Amino acid sequence: MSLLESLLTPAELNEIPKRLQILKMLQAGIPQRKIAEQLGVGIATVSRGARALKRD
């Protein structure tokens, strides 16, 4: 069992690739609402990614 598997629930582990895709789409300039729509996530999830990018 990996460290991440011991720290995160299966649902959280399944979200990691989607979160990374959100960041890639944001960096590509795709509007937040379109990202939420395409990936089937809430706008708050996409907004959180956008805030994370602005901090770095």
Protein backbone atom coordinates (compact mmCIF):
# COMPACT_ATOMS: atom_id res chain seq x y z
CA MET A 1 0.00 0.00 0.00
CA SER A 2 1.38 3.39 -0.96
CA LEU A 3 1.55 6.39 1.34
CA LEU A 4 -1.24 8.14 -0.58
CA GLU A 5 -3.44 5.06 -0.35
CA SER A 6 -3.02 5.05 3.40
CA LEU A 7 -3.75 8.78 3.73
CA LEU A 8 -6.66 9.17 1.31
CA THR A 9 -9.99 7.46 0.86
CA PRO A 10 -10.64 5.64 -2.43
CA ALA A 11 -12.93 8.51 -3.48
CA GLU A 12 -10.20 11.07 -2.79
CA LEU A 13 -7.67 9.02 -4.75
CA ASN A 14 -10.07 8.89 -7.71
CA GLU A 15 -10.37 12.69 -7.66
CA ILE A 16 -6.64 13.37 -8.12
CA PRO A 17 -6.56 12.90 -11.92
CA LYS A 18 -9.65 15.10 -12.28
CA ARG A 19 -8.09 17.85 -10.16
CA LEU A 20 -4.93 17.74 -12.27
CA GLN A 21 -7.06 17.99 -15.42
CA ILE A 22 -8.76 21.07 -13.95
CA LEU A 23 -5.37 22.73 -13.46
CA LYS A 24 -4.28 21.90 -17.02
CA MET A 25 -7.51 23.28 -18.47
CA LEU A 26 -7.24 26.46 -16.40
CA GLN A 27 -3.68 26.97 -17.61
CA ALA A 28 -4.91 26.52 -21.18
CA GLY A 29 -7.31 29.42 -20.65
CA ILE A 30 -10.54 27.42 -20.73
CA PRO A 31 -13.35 29.23 -18.86
CA GLN A 32 -14.15 27.90 -15.41
CA ARG A 33 -17.80 27.16 -16.18
CA LYS A 34 -16.86 25.19 -19.27
CA ILE A 35 -14.35 23.14 -17.25
CA ALA A 36 -16.96 22.38 -14.61
CA GLU A 37 -19.42 21.34 -17.30
CA GLN A 38 -16.98 19.16 -19.23
CA LEU A 39 -15.57 17.37 -16.18
CA GLY A 40 -18.82 17.10 -14.25
CA VAL A 41 -17.55 18.96 -11.20
CA GLY A 42 -18.89 21.93 -9.30
CA ILE A 43 -17.81 25.45 -10.12
CA ALA A 44 -16.43 25.70 -6.56
CA THR A 45 -14.01 22.86 -7.31
CA VAL A 46 -12.75 24.67 -10.40
CA SER A 47 -12.56 27.98 -8.53
CA ARG A 48 -10.45 26.32 -5.85
CA GLY A 49 -8.03 25.20 -8.54
CA ALA A 50 -7.91 28.71 -9.99
CA ARG A 51 -7.10 30.16 -6.56
CA ALA A 52 -4.33 27.59 -6.09
CA LEU A 53 -2.77 28.59 -9.40
CA LYS A 54 -2.85 32.28 -8.47
CA ARG A 55 -1.04 31.59 -5.16
CA ASP A 56 1.93 29.94 -6.87
